[in-house]
Amino acid sequence: MKILIADDNQLIVEDYLDEMSKIVPHAQCIGTSDPTDVIRLFEEYRFDVVIMDIDMPEISGITLAKKILAIKPRTNIIYVTGYEKFALQSWDTFASSFLIKPVSTEKFREAFEHLRHPVSKIPDEYIESEYAGENRIGKKILKCREERSMTRDELSGLLGVTPQTVSRWENGKRIPDIITFLKLAQILAVDPGELMC
C-alpha cells in the first residue's frame, strides 16, 4: 500500500506519518507540507490512499483530489480538516472518509478498515522479490516439506506434478499456480498465508 499525506503544517505531516507506521506498518508513506508538490508526487508514485487537508494555501485539498482522481480514479481520499463546513463539498469527490482534527489513532484505523476501494495487503516489494531471486515462497515450501520429513518425490506424487517441478518451486525458478498453491498448503498442513511470509 502506498500512502501520501498532504497538509500545509509539517508537524501534522510528521504526526500522521507516525500514526501510519502503527496502523499500516508495511505501507510506503510519503508526506509533504507543500500542496503544490502533491500532483508531482502522485504522478510518480500512484498512491492508493491520499490523506489530505482541505484548507491549504494556493490550492484546496478538494481541487487536488479532483486532479488525483482524474489520474487514478480508484484512489482512496481521506480528508482531514479542522472545518466541518467542507463535509458536503468533500463528497463530490466520493471520499473514503472525512475526519475532523484532531484525529485519534482509532479514527484513522476505522478509515482504513472502510476504504471505498480496498487495497491489497500484499506489498509490491513482496511480488518484486519473488521475481528478483529472493524466493520467499520457495524457501517456505522447502522448509515445510523438510519439517514434515517429506521427500520431493512424495510431495510431487501427492500433488500430481513432477519432482523437477517441486525443485523449481523450491529454487525460485517457478511459483505454483493458485489452485496448486492451495493444494500444497493443504498437504503441508499450513495456512496459505504462512507460505507467503
C-alpha atoms as a PDB file:
ATOM      1  CA  MET A   1       0.000   0.000   0.000  1.00  0.00           C
ATOM      2  CA  LYS A   2       1.235   3.467  -0.900  1.00  0.00           C
ATOM      3  CA  ILE A   3       0.060   6.445   1.139  1.00  0.00           C
ATOM      4  CA  LEU A   4       0.512  10.173   0.561  1.00  0.00           C
ATOM      5  CA  ILE A   5      -0.015  12.622   3.415  1.00  0.00           C
ATOM      6  CA  ALA A   6      -0.526  16.271   2.475  1.00  0.00           C
ATOM      7  CA  ASP A   7      -1.004  19.072   4.997  1.00  0.00           C
ATOM      8  CA  ASP A   8       0.455  22.566   4.956  1.00  0.00           C
ATOM      9  CA  ASN A   9       1.622  22.071   8.572  1.00  0.00           C
ATOM     10  CA  GLN A  10       4.837  19.985   8.636  1.00  0.00           C
ATOM     11  CA  LEU A  11       4.301  18.923  12.272  1.00  0.00           C
ATOM     12  CA  ILE A  12       0.909  17.441  11.345  1.00  0.00           C
ATOM     13  CA  VAL A  13       2.500  15.612   8.405  1.00  0.00           C
ATOM     14  CA  GLU A  14       5.071  14.091  10.778  1.00  0.00           C
ATOM     15  CA  ASP A  15       2.349  13.122  13.290  1.00  0.00           C
ATOM     16  CA  TYR A  16       0.324  11.369  10.593  1.00  0.00           C
ATOM     17  CA  LEU A  17       3.403   9.563   9.278  1.00  0.00           C
ATOM     18  CA  ASP A  18       3.925   8.269  12.815  1.00  0.00           C
ATOM     19  CA  GLU A  19       0.260   7.183  13.014  1.00  0.00           C
ATOM     20  CA  MET A  20       0.547   5.304   9.724  1.00  0.00           C
ATOM     21  CA  SER A  21       3.609   3.410  10.988  1.00  0.00           C
ATOM     22  CA  LYS A  22       1.326   1.955  13.698  1.00  0.00           C
ATOM     23  CA  ILE A  23      -1.788   1.350  11.606  1.00  0.00           C
ATOM     24  CA  VAL A  24      -0.275   0.126   8.328  1.00  0.00           C
ATOM     25  CA  PRO A  25       3.348  -0.686   9.239  1.00  0.00           C
ATOM     26  CA  HIS A  26       4.268  -2.188   5.865  1.00  0.00           C
ATOM     27  CA  ALA A  27       2.895   0.701   3.805  1.00  0.00           C
ATOM     28  CA  GLN A  28       5.106   3.068   1.854  1.00  0.00           C
ATOM     29  CA  CYS A  29       4.276   6.505   3.272  1.00  0.00           C
ATOM     30  CA  ILE A  30       5.377   9.857   1.920  1.00  0.00           C
ATOM     31  CA  GLY A  31       4.418  13.225   3.379  1.00  0.00           C
ATOM     32  CA  THR A  32       4.544  16.774   2.107  1.00  0.00           C
ATOM     33  CA  SER A  33       3.676  20.154   3.559  1.00  0.00           C
ATOM     34  CA  ASP A  34       3.801  21.760   0.099  1.00  0.00           C
ATOM     35  CA  PRO A  35       0.388  21.462  -1.610  1.00  0.00           C
ATOM     36  CA  THR A  36       1.942  22.356  -4.969  1.00  0.00           C
ATOM     37  CA  ASP A  37       4.028  19.169  -4.740  1.00  0.00           C
ATOM     38  CA  VAL A  38       1.052  16.795  -4.397  1.00  0.00           C
ATOM     39  CA  ILE A  39       0.347  16.143  -8.085  1.00  0.00           C
ATOM     40  CA  ARG A  40       4.028  15.619  -8.942  1.00  0.00           C
ATOM     41  CA  LEU A  41       4.359  13.080  -6.113  1.00  0.00           C
ATOM     42  CA  PHE A  42       1.125  11.388  -7.117  1.00  0.00           C
ATOM     43  CA  GLU A  43       2.201  11.033 -10.740  1.00  0.00           C
ATOM     44  CA  GLU A  44       5.481   9.487  -9.595  1.00  0.00           C
ATOM     45  CA  TYR A  45       4.106   7.025  -7.009  1.00  0.00           C
ATOM     46  CA  ARG A  46       0.427   6.458  -7.928  1.00  0.00           C
ATOM     47  CA  PHE A  47      -0.650   6.267  -4.284  1.00  0.00           C
ATOM     48  CA  ASP A  48      -3.517   4.008  -3.132  1.00  0.00           C
ATOM     49  CA  VAL A  49      -4.550   6.352  -0.319  1.00  0.00           C
ATOM     50  CA  VAL A  50      -4.189  10.128  -0.014  1.00  0.00           C
ATOM     51  CA  ILE A  51      -4.687  11.690   3.419  1.00  0.00           C
ATOM     52  CA  MET A  52      -5.169  15.380   2.815  1.00  0.00           C
ATOM     53  CA  ASP A  53      -6.098  18.634   4.465  1.00  0.00           C
ATOM     54  CA  ILE A  54      -8.714  20.685   2.620  1.00  0.00           C
ATOM     55  CA  ASP A  55      -7.949  24.263   3.642  1.00  0.00           C
ATOM     56  CA  MET A  56      -4.420  24.804   2.309  1.00  0.00           C
ATOM     57  CA  PRO A  57      -2.754  27.859   0.752  1.00  0.00           C
ATOM     58  CA  GLU A  58      -2.699  28.234  -3.039  1.00  0.00           C
ATOM     59  CA  ILE A  59      -4.917  25.192  -3.736  1.00  0.00           C
ATOM     60  CA  SER A  60      -7.625  23.357  -1.793  1.00  0.00           C
ATOM     61  CA  GLY A  61      -7.491  19.663  -0.987  1.00  0.00           C
ATOM     62  CA  ILE A  62     -10.764  19.136  -2.884  1.00  0.00           C
ATOM     63  CA  THR A  63      -9.302  20.646  -6.064  1.00  0.00           C
ATOM     64  CA  LEU A  64      -6.234  18.431  -5.645  1.00  0.00           C
ATOM     65  CA  ALA A  65      -8.438  15.369  -5.096  1.00  0.00           C
ATOM     66  CA  LYS A  66     -10.250  16.007  -8.388  1.00  0.00           C
ATOM     67  CA  LYS A  67      -6.900  16.150 -10.196  1.00  0.00           C
ATOM     68  CA  ILE A  68      -5.733  12.961  -8.455  1.00  0.00           C
ATOM     69  CA  LEU A  69      -8.928  11.106  -9.362  1.00  0.00           C
ATOM     70  CA  ALA A  70      -8.542  12.177 -12.981  1.00  0.00           C
ATOM     71  CA  ILE A  71      -5.163  10.384 -12.956  1.00  0.00           C
ATOM     72  CA  LYS A  72      -6.227   7.306 -10.936  1.00  0.00           C
ATOM     73  CA  PRO A  73      -9.986   7.090 -10.277  1.00  0.00           C
ATOM     74  CA  ARG A  74      -9.727   4.295  -7.677  1.00  0.00           C
ATOM     75  CA  THR A  75      -7.667   6.382  -5.260  1.00  0.00           C
ATOM     76  CA  ASN A  76      -8.950   6.499  -1.683  1.00  0.00           C
ATOM     77  CA  ILE A  77      -9.174  10.107  -0.496  1.00  0.00           C
ATOM     78  CA  ILE A  78      -9.259  10.647   3.254  1.00  0.00           C
ATOM     79  CA  TYR A  79      -9.864  14.281   4.136  1.00  0.00           C
ATOM     80  CA  VAL A  80      -8.602  15.528   7.479  1.00  0.00           C
ATOM     81  CA  THR A  81      -9.669  19.075   8.243  1.00  0.00           C
ATOM     82  CA  GLY A  82     -10.487  21.431  11.077  1.00  0.00           C
ATOM     83  CA  TYR A  83     -13.654  22.653   9.368  1.00  0.00           C
ATOM     84  CA  GLU A  84     -16.930  20.743   9.228  1.00  0.00           C
ATOM     85  CA  LYS A  85     -18.232  23.193   6.600  1.00  0.00           C
ATOM     86  CA  PHE A  86     -16.288  21.253   3.916  1.00  0.00           C
ATOM     87  CA  ALA A  87     -18.124  17.980   4.594  1.00  0.00           C
ATOM     88  CA  LEU A  88     -20.794  18.235   1.899  1.00  0.00           C
ATOM     89  CA  GLN A  89     -18.376  19.556  -0.722  1.00  0.00           C
ATOM     90  CA  SER A  90     -15.905  16.738   0.028  1.00  0.00           C
ATOM     91  CA  TRP A  91     -18.393  14.077  -1.086  1.00  0.00           C
ATOM     92  CA  ASP A  92     -18.258  15.474  -4.630  1.00  0.00           C
ATOM     93  CA  THR A  93     -15.004  13.523  -4.877  1.00  0.00           C
ATOM     94  CA  PHE A  94     -16.503  10.319  -3.400  1.00  0.00           C
ATOM     95  CA  ALA A  95     -14.150  10.451  -0.432  1.00  0.00           C
ATOM     96  CA  SER A  96     -13.436   7.357   1.626  1.00  0.00           C
ATOM     97  CA  SER A  97     -13.540   9.363   4.878  1.00  0.00           C
ATOM     98  CA  PHE A  98     -13.993  12.871   6.214  1.00  0.00           C
ATOM     99  CA  LEU A  99     -12.240  13.336   9.563  1.00  0.00           C
ATOM    100  CA  ILE A 100     -12.216  16.369  11.832  1.00  0.00           C
ATOM    101  CA  LYS A 101      -8.946  17.364  13.518  1.00  0.00           C
ATOM    102  CA  PRO A 102      -7.569  16.296  15.895  1.00  0.00           C
ATOM    103  CA  VAL A 103      -7.803  12.697  14.680  1.00  0.00           C
ATOM    104  CA  SER A 104      -7.221   9.750  17.003  1.00  0.00           C
ATOM    105  CA  THR A 105      -5.406   6.578  16.038  1.00  0.00           C
ATOM    106  CA  GLU A 106      -8.724   4.745  16.299  1.00  0.00           C
ATOM    107  CA  LYS A 107     -10.405   7.102  13.808  1.00  0.00           C
ATOM    108  CA  PHE A 108      -7.566   6.584  11.334  1.00  0.00           C
ATOM    109  CA  ARG A 109      -7.798   2.823  11.857  1.00  0.00           C
ATOM    110  CA  GLU A 110     -11.562   2.894  11.136  1.00  0.00           C
ATOM    111  CA  ALA A 111     -10.941   4.934   7.986  1.00  0.00           C
ATOM    112  CA  PHE A 112      -8.516   2.291   6.722  1.00  0.00           C
ATOM    113  CA  GLU A 113     -10.944  -0.514   7.558  1.00  0.00           C
ATOM    114  CA  HIS A 114     -13.624   1.156   5.412  1.00  0.00           C
ATOM    115  CA  LEU A 115     -11.739   2.310   2.329  1.00  0.00           C
ATOM    116  CA  ARG A 116     -14.007   2.891  -0.659  1.00  0.00           C
ATOM    117  CA  HIS A 117     -11.530   1.000  -2.852  1.00  0.00           C
ATOM    118  CA  PRO A 118      -9.901  -1.841  -0.861  1.00  0.00           C
ATOM    119  CA  VAL A 119      -6.148  -2.148  -1.273  1.00  0.00           C
ATOM    120  CA  SER A 120      -4.270  -5.444  -1.395  1.00  0.00           C
ATOM    121  CA  LYS A 121      -2.211  -6.243   1.673  1.00  0.00           C
ATOM    122  CA  ILE A 122       0.413  -7.915  -0.498  1.00  0.00           C
ATOM    123  CA  PRO A 123       3.062  -5.223  -0.979  1.00  0.00           C
ATOM    124  CA  ASP A 124       4.616  -4.567  -4.385  1.00  0.00           C
ATOM    125  CA  GLU A 125       8.039  -5.242  -2.863  1.00  0.00           C
ATOM    126  CA  TYR A 126       6.948  -8.780  -1.985  1.00  0.00           C
ATOM    127  CA  ILE A 127       5.887  -9.536  -5.551  1.00  0.00           C
ATOM    128  CA  GLU A 128       9.068  -7.969  -6.909  1.00  0.00           C
ATOM    129  CA  SER A 129      11.216 -10.009  -4.508  1.00  0.00           C
ATOM    130  CA  GLU A 130       9.704 -13.258  -5.803  1.00  0.00           C
ATOM    131  CA  TYR A 131      10.931 -12.406  -9.271  1.00  0.00           C
ATOM    132  CA  ALA A 132      14.240 -10.922  -8.134  1.00  0.00           C
ATOM    133  CA  GLY A 133      15.618 -14.140  -6.665  1.00  0.00           C
ATOM    134  CA  GLU A 134      14.686 -13.714  -3.007  1.00  0.00           C
ATOM    135  CA  ASN A 135      12.189 -16.568  -3.456  1.00  0.00           C
ATOM    136  CA  ARG A 136      10.292 -16.428  -0.165  1.00  0.00           C
ATOM    137  CA  ILE A 137       7.591 -18.879  -1.246  1.00  0.00           C
ATOM    138  CA  GLY A 138      10.108 -21.474  -2.441  1.00  0.00           C
ATOM    139  CA  LYS A 139      12.070 -21.290   0.799  1.00  0.00           C
ATOM    140  CA  LYS A 140       8.859 -21.766   2.785  1.00  0.00           C
ATOM    141  CA  ILE A 141       7.814 -24.766   0.687  1.00  0.00           C
ATOM    142  CA  LEU A 142      11.242 -26.351   1.229  1.00  0.00           C
ATOM    143  CA  LYS A 143      11.185 -25.633   4.981  1.00  0.00           C
ATOM    144  CA  CYS A 144       7.657 -27.018   5.477  1.00  0.00           C
ATOM    145  CA  ARG A 145       8.406 -30.099   3.383  1.00  0.00           C
ATOM    146  CA  GLU A 146      11.581 -30.853   5.348  1.00  0.00           C
ATOM    147  CA  GLU A 147       9.845 -30.242   8.713  1.00  0.00           C
ATOM    148  CA  ARG A 148       7.392 -32.971   7.729  1.00  0.00           C
ATOM    149  CA  SER A 149      10.238 -35.308   6.667  1.00  0.00           C
ATOM    150  CA  MET A 150       8.715 -35.472   3.202  1.00  0.00           C
ATOM    151  CA  THR A 151      10.801 -36.069   0.084  1.00  0.00           C
ATOM    152  CA  ARG A 152      10.309 -34.161  -3.152  1.00  0.00           C
ATOM    153  CA  ASP A 153       9.113 -37.386  -4.741  1.00  0.00           C
ATOM    154  CA  GLU A 154       6.462 -37.838  -2.045  1.00  0.00           C
ATOM    155  CA  LEU A 155       5.250 -34.239  -2.310  1.00  0.00           C
ATOM    156  CA  SER A 156       5.202 -34.304  -6.097  1.00  0.00           C
ATOM    157  CA  GLY A 157       3.236 -37.582  -6.055  1.00  0.00           C
ATOM    158  CA  LEU A 158       0.576 -36.094  -3.758  1.00  0.00           C
ATOM    159  CA  LEU A 159       0.305 -33.009  -5.956  1.00  0.00           C
ATOM    160  CA  GLY A 160       0.365 -34.840  -9.282  1.00  0.00           C
ATOM    161  CA  VAL A 161       3.425 -32.927 -10.545  1.00  0.00           C
ATOM    162  CA  THR A 162       6.986 -33.987 -11.276  1.00  0.00           C
ATOM    163  CA  PRO A 163       9.780 -33.836  -8.664  1.00  0.00           C
ATOM    164  CA  GLN A 164      11.511 -31.364 -11.029  1.00  0.00           C
ATOM    165  CA  THR A 165       8.522 -29.022 -10.698  1.00  0.00           C
ATOM    166  CA  VAL A 166       8.805 -29.082  -6.900  1.00  0.00           C
ATOM    167  CA  SER A 167      12.548 -28.479  -7.242  1.00  0.00           C
ATOM    168  CA  ARG A 168      11.904 -25.437  -9.464  1.00  0.00           C
ATOM    169  CA  TRP A 169       9.498 -24.005  -6.884  1.00  0.00           C
ATOM    170  CA  GLU A 170      11.971 -24.513  -4.050  1.00  0.00           C
ATOM    171  CA  ASN A 171      14.810 -22.981  -6.066  1.00  0.00           C
ATOM    172  CA  GLY A 172      12.755 -19.933  -7.029  1.00  0.00           C
ATOM    173  CA  LYS A 173      12.686 -20.666 -10.740  1.00  0.00           C
ATOM    174  CA  ARG A 174       8.880 -21.024 -10.761  1.00  0.00           C
ATOM    175  CA  ILE A 175       5.927 -20.474  -8.460  1.00  0.00           C
ATOM    176  CA  PRO A 176       2.862 -22.737  -8.284  1.00  0.00           C
ATOM    177  CA  ASP A 177      -0.448 -21.579  -9.768  1.00  0.00           C
ATOM    178  CA  ILE A 178      -3.137 -20.628  -7.245  1.00  0.00           C
ATOM    179  CA  ILE A 179      -5.006 -23.972  -7.269  1.00  0.00           C
ATOM    180  CA  THR A 180      -1.786 -25.953  -6.837  1.00  0.00           C
ATOM    181  CA  PHE A 181      -0.651 -23.485  -4.175  1.00  0.00           C
ATOM    182  CA  LEU A 182      -3.821 -24.083  -2.123  1.00  0.00           C
ATOM    183  CA  LYS A 183      -3.483 -27.859  -2.523  1.00  0.00           C
ATOM    184  CA  LEU A 184       0.170 -27.580  -1.484  1.00  0.00           C
ATOM    185  CA  ALA A 185      -0.805 -25.700   1.683  1.00  0.00           C
ATOM    186  CA  GLN A 186      -3.397 -28.388   2.431  1.00  0.00           C
ATOM    187  CA  ILE A 187      -0.860 -31.224   2.002  1.00  0.00           C
ATOM    188  CA  LEU A 188       1.739 -29.433   4.126  1.00  0.00           C
ATOM    189  CA  ALA A 189      -0.984 -28.645   6.728  1.00  0.00           C
ATOM    190  CA  VAL A 190      -0.238 -24.933   6.819  1.00  0.00           C
ATOM    191  CA  ASP A 191      -2.288 -21.814   6.295  1.00  0.00           C
ATOM    192  CA  PRO A 192      -1.639 -20.490   2.744  1.00  0.00           C
ATOM    193  CA  GLY A 193      -0.540 -17.201   4.284  1.00  0.00           C
ATOM    194  CA  GLU A 194       2.273 -18.984   6.116  1.00  0.00           C
ATOM    195  CA  LEU A 195       3.805 -19.980   2.791  1.00  0.00           C
ATOM    196  CA  MET A 196       3.866 -16.354   1.696  1.00  0.00           C
ATOM    197  CA  CYS A 197       5.623 -14.600   4.570  1.00  0.00           C
END
